[in-house]
Amino acid sequence: MWTEDAALQVYAARTLKRLDTDWSRDLLEQLYLDDETQIWADNVAAPTDHKDSNGVPLSQGDTVVLIKDLPVKGGGFTAKRGTAVHRISLVQDNPAHIEGRVEGQRIVILTEFVKKR
């Protein structure tokens, strides 16, 4: 966070805000960003319409758990209930779909069959 590289400063600021712990808030208070860099750091992507089965908003990189056994078309296996899917990607064109890796294969999953971990 004390680097002169603006991109790293923005990354540090966003990461500290996302952590939201006592020590991260203390570090955020120590962080000085010039006006242009502060605007960049505050310009976080707009929230998406992607929600899990309980209505909890999903974000890029979240971890979700399958709530139902799902047959994987073309994969030849069934993704079992309780399987954790790490570092999901949001399908931008369709808020009902996310992508994730299960058993080494990248698959599209309906958001109605997952819950955020």
N, C-alpha and C. Protein backbone atom coordinates (compact mmCIF):
# COMPACT_ATOMS: atom_id res chain seq x y z
N MET A 1 0.81 -1.20 0.00
CA MET A 1 0.00 0.00 0.00
C MET A 1 0.85 1.25 0.00
N TRP A 2 2.13 1.12 0.33
CA TRP A 2 3.00 2.29 0.34
C TRP A 2 3.85 2.38 -0.92
N THR A 3 3.42 1.75 -1.95
CA THR A 3 4.13 1.79 -3.22
C THR A 3 3.77 3.07 -3.98
N GLU A 4 4.56 3.43 -4.96
CA GLU A 4 4.25 4.57 -5.81
C GLU A 4 3.40 4.16 -7.01
N ASP A 5 3.24 2.87 -7.23
CA ASP A 5 2.43 2.35 -8.34
C ASP A 5 0.95 2.50 -7.99
N ALA A 6 0.24 3.31 -8.76
CA ALA A 6 -1.17 3.60 -8.48
C ALA A 6 -2.04 2.34 -8.51
N ALA A 7 -1.77 1.44 -9.45
CA ALA A 7 -2.57 0.22 -9.55
C ALA A 7 -2.45 -0.62 -8.28
N LEU A 8 -1.27 -0.72 -7.73
CA LEU A 8 -1.09 -1.48 -6.49
C LEU A 8 -1.74 -0.77 -5.31
N GLN A 9 -1.73 0.56 -5.31
CA GLN A 9 -2.40 1.30 -4.25
C GLN A 9 -3.91 1.04 -4.29
N VAL A 10 -4.48 1.05 -5.49
CA VAL A 10 -5.91 0.79 -5.65
C VAL A 10 -6.24 -0.63 -5.21
N TYR A 11 -5.40 -1.58 -5.62
CA TYR A 11 -5.61 -2.98 -5.22
C TYR A 11 -5.58 -3.12 -3.69
N ALA A 12 -4.60 -2.47 -3.06
CA ALA A 12 -4.49 -2.54 -1.60
C ALA A 12 -5.71 -1.92 -0.93
N ALA A 13 -6.15 -0.77 -1.43
CA ALA A 13 -7.31 -0.10 -0.83
C ALA A 13 -8.57 -0.96 -0.96
N ARG A 14 -8.79 -1.52 -2.13
CA ARG A 14 -9.99 -2.35 -2.33
C ARG A 14 -9.94 -3.61 -1.49
N THR A 15 -8.76 -4.22 -1.39
CA THR A 15 -8.61 -5.44 -0.58
C THR A 15 -8.85 -5.14 0.89
N LEU A 16 -8.29 -4.05 1.39
CA LEU A 16 -8.49 -3.70 2.80
C LEU A 16 -9.95 -3.39 3.10
N LYS A 17 -10.64 -2.72 2.18
CA LYS A 17 -12.06 -2.44 2.37
C LYS A 17 -12.87 -3.72 2.41
N ARG A 18 -12.53 -4.66 1.54
CA ARG A 18 -13.27 -5.92 1.46
C ARG A 18 -13.05 -6.77 2.72
N LEU A 19 -11.86 -6.71 3.31
CA LEU A 19 -11.58 -7.50 4.50
C LEU A 19 -12.42 -7.04 5.69
N ASP A 20 -12.54 -5.72 5.87
CA ASP A 20 -13.38 -5.14 6.91
C ASP A 20 -13.13 -5.75 8.29
N THR A 21 -11.88 -5.67 8.74
CA THR A 21 -11.50 -6.08 10.09
C THR A 21 -10.90 -4.86 10.79
N ASP A 22 -10.66 -4.99 12.08
CA ASP A 22 -10.09 -3.86 12.81
C ASP A 22 -8.74 -3.44 12.23
N TRP A 23 -7.87 -4.41 11.99
CA TRP A 23 -6.54 -4.06 11.49
C TRP A 23 -6.58 -3.51 10.07
N SER A 24 -7.53 -4.00 9.23
CA SER A 24 -7.61 -3.48 7.88
C SER A 24 -8.16 -2.05 7.87
N ARG A 25 -9.08 -1.76 8.80
CA ARG A 25 -9.59 -0.38 8.90
C ARG A 25 -8.49 0.56 9.38
N ASP A 26 -7.64 0.09 10.31
CA ASP A 26 -6.51 0.90 10.77
C ASP A 26 -5.55 1.22 9.62
N LEU A 27 -5.27 0.22 8.79
CA LEU A 27 -4.39 0.44 7.65
C LEU A 27 -5.02 1.37 6.62
N LEU A 28 -6.33 1.26 6.43
CA LEU A 28 -7.02 2.15 5.50
C LEU A 28 -6.91 3.60 5.94
N GLU A 29 -6.97 3.84 7.26
CA GLU A 29 -6.83 5.20 7.77
C GLU A 29 -5.43 5.75 7.50
N GLN A 30 -4.44 4.89 7.43
CA GLN A 30 -3.06 5.32 7.17
C GLN A 30 -2.79 5.52 5.68
N LEU A 31 -3.65 4.97 4.84
CA LEU A 31 -3.44 5.01 3.40
C LEU A 31 -3.78 6.38 2.84
N TYR A 32 -2.83 6.99 2.14
CA TYR A 32 -3.09 8.27 1.47
C TYR A 32 -3.05 8.04 -0.03
N LEU A 33 -4.13 8.44 -0.70
CA LEU A 33 -4.19 8.35 -2.15
C LEU A 33 -4.48 9.75 -2.70
N ASP A 34 -3.83 10.11 -3.80
CA ASP A 34 -4.17 11.40 -4.41
C ASP A 34 -5.60 11.32 -4.94
N ASP A 35 -6.17 12.45 -5.30
CA ASP A 35 -7.59 12.51 -5.66
C ASP A 35 -7.95 11.56 -6.80
N GLU A 36 -7.13 11.55 -7.83
CA GLU A 36 -7.41 10.70 -9.00
C GLU A 36 -7.38 9.22 -8.64
N THR A 37 -6.40 8.82 -7.84
CA THR A 37 -6.27 7.42 -7.43
C THR A 37 -7.41 7.04 -6.48
N GLN A 38 -7.82 7.97 -5.62
CA GLN A 38 -8.93 7.70 -4.70
C GLN A 38 -10.22 7.45 -5.47
N ILE A 39 -10.46 8.23 -6.52
CA ILE A 39 -11.65 8.02 -7.35
C ILE A 39 -11.60 6.64 -8.00
N TRP A 40 -10.42 6.27 -8.48
CA TRP A 40 -10.24 4.95 -9.10
C TRP A 40 -10.53 3.85 -8.08
N ALA A 41 -10.01 4.00 -6.86
CA ALA A 41 -10.20 2.98 -5.82
C ALA A 41 -11.67 2.87 -5.41
N ASP A 42 -12.39 3.99 -5.42
CA ASP A 42 -13.79 3.98 -5.03
C ASP A 42 -14.71 3.50 -6.14
N ASN A 43 -14.23 3.48 -7.36
CA ASN A 43 -15.03 3.08 -8.51
C ASN A 43 -15.03 1.57 -8.64
N VAL A 44 -15.75 0.93 -7.76
CA VAL A 44 -15.87 -0.53 -7.76
C VAL A 44 -16.99 -0.91 -8.72
N ALA A 45 -16.86 -2.03 -9.36
CA ALA A 45 -17.88 -2.49 -10.31
C ALA A 45 -19.25 -2.51 -9.65
N ALA A 46 -20.23 -2.18 -10.43
CA ALA A 46 -21.61 -2.15 -9.93
C ALA A 46 -22.05 -3.55 -9.51
N PRO A 47 -22.90 -3.63 -8.49
CA PRO A 47 -23.37 -4.94 -8.07
C PRO A 47 -24.14 -5.63 -9.20
N THR A 48 -24.10 -6.92 -9.19
CA THR A 48 -24.75 -7.68 -10.25
C THR A 48 -26.10 -8.18 -9.78
N ASP A 49 -26.83 -8.74 -10.71
CA ASP A 49 -28.12 -9.33 -10.39
C ASP A 49 -27.99 -10.81 -10.06
N HIS A 50 -26.77 -11.33 -10.02
CA HIS A 50 -26.55 -12.74 -9.71
C HIS A 50 -26.81 -12.96 -8.23
N LYS A 51 -27.75 -13.86 -7.92
CA LYS A 51 -28.07 -14.19 -6.53
C LYS A 51 -28.15 -15.71 -6.38
N ASP A 52 -27.75 -16.19 -5.19
CA ASP A 52 -27.83 -17.63 -4.95
C ASP A 52 -29.27 -18.03 -4.64
N SER A 53 -29.47 -19.28 -4.26
CA SER A 53 -30.82 -19.80 -4.02
C SER A 53 -31.51 -19.11 -2.85
N ASN A 54 -30.73 -18.48 -1.96
CA ASN A 54 -31.30 -17.76 -0.81
C ASN A 54 -31.43 -16.26 -1.06
N GLY A 55 -31.08 -15.81 -2.27
CA GLY A 55 -31.18 -14.39 -2.58
C GLY A 55 -29.97 -13.58 -2.19
N VAL A 56 -28.89 -14.25 -1.79
CA VAL A 56 -27.66 -13.55 -1.41
C VAL A 56 -26.90 -13.18 -2.68
N PRO A 57 -26.48 -11.92 -2.83
CA PRO A 57 -25.75 -11.51 -4.04
C PRO A 57 -24.44 -12.27 -4.19
N LEU A 58 -24.13 -12.65 -5.42
CA LEU A 58 -22.89 -13.34 -5.74
C LEU A 58 -21.94 -12.38 -6.44
N SER A 59 -20.65 -12.55 -6.20
CA SER A 59 -19.63 -11.72 -6.83
C SER A 59 -18.60 -12.62 -7.51
N GLN A 60 -17.90 -12.03 -8.44
CA GLN A 60 -16.80 -12.72 -9.12
C GLN A 60 -15.81 -13.22 -8.07
N GLY A 61 -15.42 -14.49 -8.15
CA GLY A 61 -14.43 -15.04 -7.23
C GLY A 61 -14.99 -15.65 -5.97
N ASP A 62 -16.30 -15.57 -5.75
CA ASP A 62 -16.91 -16.17 -4.56
C ASP A 62 -16.79 -17.69 -4.59
N THR A 63 -17.03 -18.29 -3.44
CA THR A 63 -17.13 -19.74 -3.32
C THR A 63 -18.58 -20.08 -3.03
N VAL A 64 -19.10 -21.04 -3.77
CA VAL A 64 -20.48 -21.49 -3.56
C VAL A 64 -20.49 -22.99 -3.34
N VAL A 65 -21.61 -23.49 -2.80
CA VAL A 65 -21.80 -24.92 -2.55
C VAL A 65 -23.05 -25.36 -3.29
N LEU A 66 -22.97 -26.50 -3.95
CA LEU A 66 -24.12 -27.04 -4.66
C LEU A 66 -25.15 -27.54 -3.65
N ILE A 67 -26.42 -27.26 -3.91
CA ILE A 67 -27.48 -27.70 -2.98
C ILE A 67 -28.27 -28.87 -3.54
N LYS A 68 -27.85 -29.36 -4.71
CA LYS A 68 -28.55 -30.46 -5.36
C LYS A 68 -27.55 -31.21 -6.25
N ASP A 69 -27.74 -32.53 -6.39
CA ASP A 69 -26.92 -33.28 -7.36
C ASP A 69 -27.27 -32.79 -8.76
N LEU A 70 -26.24 -32.47 -9.54
CA LEU A 70 -26.46 -31.94 -10.89
C LEU A 70 -25.74 -32.80 -11.92
N PRO A 71 -26.49 -33.41 -12.85
CA PRO A 71 -25.83 -34.15 -13.93
C PRO A 71 -25.15 -33.14 -14.87
N VAL A 72 -23.89 -33.41 -15.20
CA VAL A 72 -23.13 -32.51 -16.06
C VAL A 72 -23.23 -33.02 -17.49
N LYS A 73 -23.91 -32.25 -18.33
CA LYS A 73 -24.08 -32.66 -19.72
C LYS A 73 -22.74 -32.61 -20.43
N GLY A 74 -22.40 -33.68 -21.12
CA GLY A 74 -21.14 -33.75 -21.85
C GLY A 74 -19.95 -34.05 -20.97
N GLY A 75 -20.15 -34.08 -19.66
CA GLY A 75 -19.05 -34.36 -18.75
C GLY A 75 -18.99 -35.80 -18.30
N GLY A 76 -20.12 -36.47 -18.38
CA GLY A 76 -20.16 -37.88 -18.00
C GLY A 76 -20.11 -38.12 -16.51
N PHE A 77 -20.45 -37.12 -15.69
CA PHE A 77 -20.46 -37.32 -14.24
C PHE A 77 -21.56 -36.46 -13.64
N THR A 78 -21.81 -36.69 -12.36
CA THR A 78 -22.79 -35.91 -11.62
C THR A 78 -22.06 -35.12 -10.55
N ALA A 79 -22.27 -33.80 -10.54
CA ALA A 79 -21.71 -32.95 -9.49
C ALA A 79 -22.58 -33.13 -8.25
N LYS A 80 -21.99 -33.65 -7.19
CA LYS A 80 -22.75 -34.03 -5.99
C LYS A 80 -23.10 -32.83 -5.12
N ARG A 81 -24.24 -32.95 -4.45
CA ARG A 81 -24.67 -31.94 -3.48
C ARG A 81 -23.59 -31.76 -2.42
N GLY A 82 -23.32 -30.52 -2.03
CA GLY A 82 -22.30 -30.23 -1.02
C GLY A 82 -20.93 -29.95 -1.61
N THR A 83 -20.78 -30.11 -2.93
CA THR A 83 -19.51 -29.81 -3.58
C THR A 83 -19.27 -28.31 -3.56
N ALA A 84 -18.09 -27.91 -3.12
CA ALA A 84 -17.72 -26.49 -3.11
C ALA A 84 -17.13 -26.12 -4.48
N VAL A 85 -17.59 -25.01 -5.01
CA VAL A 85 -17.07 -24.49 -6.27
C VAL A 85 -16.39 -23.16 -5.95
N HIS A 86 -15.06 -23.14 -6.08
CA HIS A 86 -14.27 -21.98 -5.71
C HIS A 86 -14.06 -21.05 -6.90
N ARG A 87 -13.88 -19.79 -6.62
CA ARG A 87 -13.53 -18.76 -7.62
C ARG A 87 -14.48 -18.79 -8.82
N ILE A 88 -15.76 -18.60 -8.56
CA ILE A 88 -16.74 -18.61 -9.63
C ILE A 88 -16.57 -17.39 -10.54
N SER A 89 -17.07 -17.52 -11.75
CA SER A 89 -17.15 -16.41 -12.69
C SER A 89 -18.62 -16.15 -12.97
N LEU A 90 -18.98 -14.88 -13.09
CA LEU A 90 -20.36 -14.53 -13.38
C LEU A 90 -20.55 -14.45 -14.89
N VAL A 91 -21.63 -15.02 -15.38
CA VAL A 91 -21.96 -14.92 -16.80
C VAL A 91 -22.68 -13.58 -16.97
N GLN A 92 -22.02 -12.66 -17.67
CA GLN A 92 -22.52 -11.28 -17.74
C GLN A 92 -23.88 -11.15 -18.42
N ASP A 93 -24.14 -11.96 -19.42
CA ASP A 93 -25.39 -11.85 -20.18
C ASP A 93 -26.59 -12.47 -19.48
N ASN A 94 -26.34 -13.31 -18.47
CA ASN A 94 -27.44 -14.05 -17.86
C ASN A 94 -27.23 -14.14 -16.35
N PRO A 95 -28.02 -13.40 -15.55
CA PRO A 95 -27.85 -13.43 -14.10
C PRO A 95 -28.24 -14.76 -13.44
N ALA A 96 -28.80 -15.68 -14.21
CA ALA A 96 -29.17 -16.98 -13.65
C ALA A 96 -28.04 -18.00 -13.81
N HIS A 97 -26.93 -17.61 -14.46
CA HIS A 97 -25.82 -18.54 -14.71
C HIS A 97 -24.52 -18.04 -14.09
N ILE A 98 -23.76 -18.99 -13.56
CA ILE A 98 -22.37 -18.74 -13.14
C ILE A 98 -21.52 -19.85 -13.76
N GLU A 99 -20.22 -19.63 -13.77
CA GLU A 99 -19.30 -20.67 -14.23
C GLU A 99 -18.36 -21.03 -13.10
N GLY A 100 -17.99 -22.31 -13.07
CA GLY A 100 -17.07 -22.78 -12.06
C GLY A 100 -16.44 -24.09 -12.48
N ARG A 101 -15.43 -24.50 -11.74
CA ARG A 101 -14.70 -25.72 -12.06
C ARG A 101 -15.10 -26.80 -11.06
N VAL A 102 -15.62 -27.91 -11.60
CA VAL A 102 -16.01 -29.07 -10.80
C VAL A 102 -15.32 -30.28 -11.40
N GLU A 103 -14.61 -31.03 -10.57
CA GLU A 103 -13.86 -32.21 -11.01
C GLU A 103 -12.99 -31.91 -12.22
N GLY A 104 -12.37 -30.74 -12.21
CA GLY A 104 -11.43 -30.37 -13.26
C GLY A 104 -12.05 -29.86 -14.54
N GLN A 105 -13.37 -29.78 -14.59
CA GLN A 105 -14.05 -29.29 -15.79
C GLN A 105 -14.76 -27.99 -15.50
N ARG A 106 -14.65 -27.06 -16.42
CA ARG A 106 -15.35 -25.77 -16.32
C ARG A 106 -16.79 -25.97 -16.79
N ILE A 107 -17.74 -25.67 -15.89
CA ILE A 107 -19.15 -25.89 -16.23
C ILE A 107 -19.97 -24.64 -15.92
N VAL A 108 -21.13 -24.56 -16.54
CA VAL A 108 -22.10 -23.50 -16.25
C VAL A 108 -23.09 -24.07 -15.24
N ILE A 109 -23.38 -23.29 -14.21
CA ILE A 109 -24.26 -23.74 -13.13
C ILE A 109 -25.37 -22.71 -12.96
N LEU A 110 -26.59 -23.18 -12.79
CA LEU A 110 -27.70 -22.28 -12.51
C LEU A 110 -27.60 -21.79 -11.07
N THR A 111 -27.79 -20.50 -10.87
CA THR A 111 -27.65 -19.92 -9.53
C THR A 111 -28.70 -20.45 -8.55
N GLU A 112 -29.80 -20.96 -9.06
CA GLU A 112 -30.83 -21.49 -8.16
C GLU A 112 -30.39 -22.78 -7.46
N PHE A 113 -29.30 -23.39 -7.91
CA PHE A 113 -28.81 -24.64 -7.32
C PHE A 113 -27.55 -24.46 -6.48
N VAL A 114 -27.23 -23.21 -6.09
CA VAL A 114 -26.05 -22.97 -5.27
C VAL A 114 -26.41 -22.06 -4.11
N LYS A 115 -25.58 -22.14 -3.07
CA LYS A 115 -25.67 -21.17 -1.97
C LYS A 115 -24.27 -20.66 -1.69
N LYS A 116 -24.19 -19.39 -1.35
CA LYS A 116 -22.90 -18.76 -1.09
C LYS A 116 -22.33 -19.30 0.20
N ARG A 117 -21.05 -19.53 0.21
CA ARG A 117 -20.37 -20.07 1.39
C ARG A 117 -19.83 -18.97 2.23
